[in-house]
Amino acid sequence: MSAQVSEIIEASERAAAGLRERAEERARERIAEADRAAANRIEAAEEEAQEIIHAARSQAEAARNEAVSAVGGIHAEAERVRASAQAEAEDLRTQAHEEAELERSGARQDSEQTRAASSEQTGAALAAARVEAERIVAEARAQVNEQWRRGSREAASQCRRAGPACPREGA
C-alpha cells in the first residue's frame, strides 16, 4: 500500500516538475524573442538614423557644391547661398540627430515594454504552473488518504470477521 502511495506522490511531483519546466522554457523563449525584437528595432532605428544623416550630408554637400558653382557669377549672391546652404545643412543634421534619438528612444521604450510584458506573462505562467502542481499534489494526497481509509476499514472488517484470533493494534 505504501509503495502505491509513494508512486502516486512521485507521479504527481514529476507532473508538477514537468509543468514547471515547460512554463520556464516558454518564459525563456518569450524573453529571448522580446530581446531579439528589441535588438532588431534598435538596429533598424540606428540604420534609419544613419540613412537620415547620410541624406542630410548628401543634401548639404549638394547645396555647398551648388553655392560654389554660383561663385563665378556674383560673389555676394554665392556667399549668401553658401551660408544659407550651411545653415540648412546644420538644421537638417540637427533634425536628423533629433529624429534618430527619438527613434532610438522609442525603440528602447518598446523594448522595455516588451520585456515587462514578457516578464508579466512569465510570472503568470509560473504562478499558474505552481497552482496546477499544488492542485495535482493535493488530489494525489486525497487519493492516498482515501485508499488508506478504505484499507483501514477493510482490515478492521476482516479483523472483526476473524474474531479474537485477529491481532489488535497495540496488542
Foldseek 3Di string as FASTA:
>chain_A
DVVVLVVLLVVLVVQLVVLLVVLVVVLVVQLVVLVVQLVVQLVVLVVVLVVQLVVLVVQLVVQQVVLVVCCVPPVVVSVVSNVVSVVSSVVSNVVSVVSSVVSNVVSVVSSVVSNVVSVVSSVVSNVVSVVVSVVSSVVSVVVVVVVVVVVVVVLVVVQVVVPPVRDDPPD
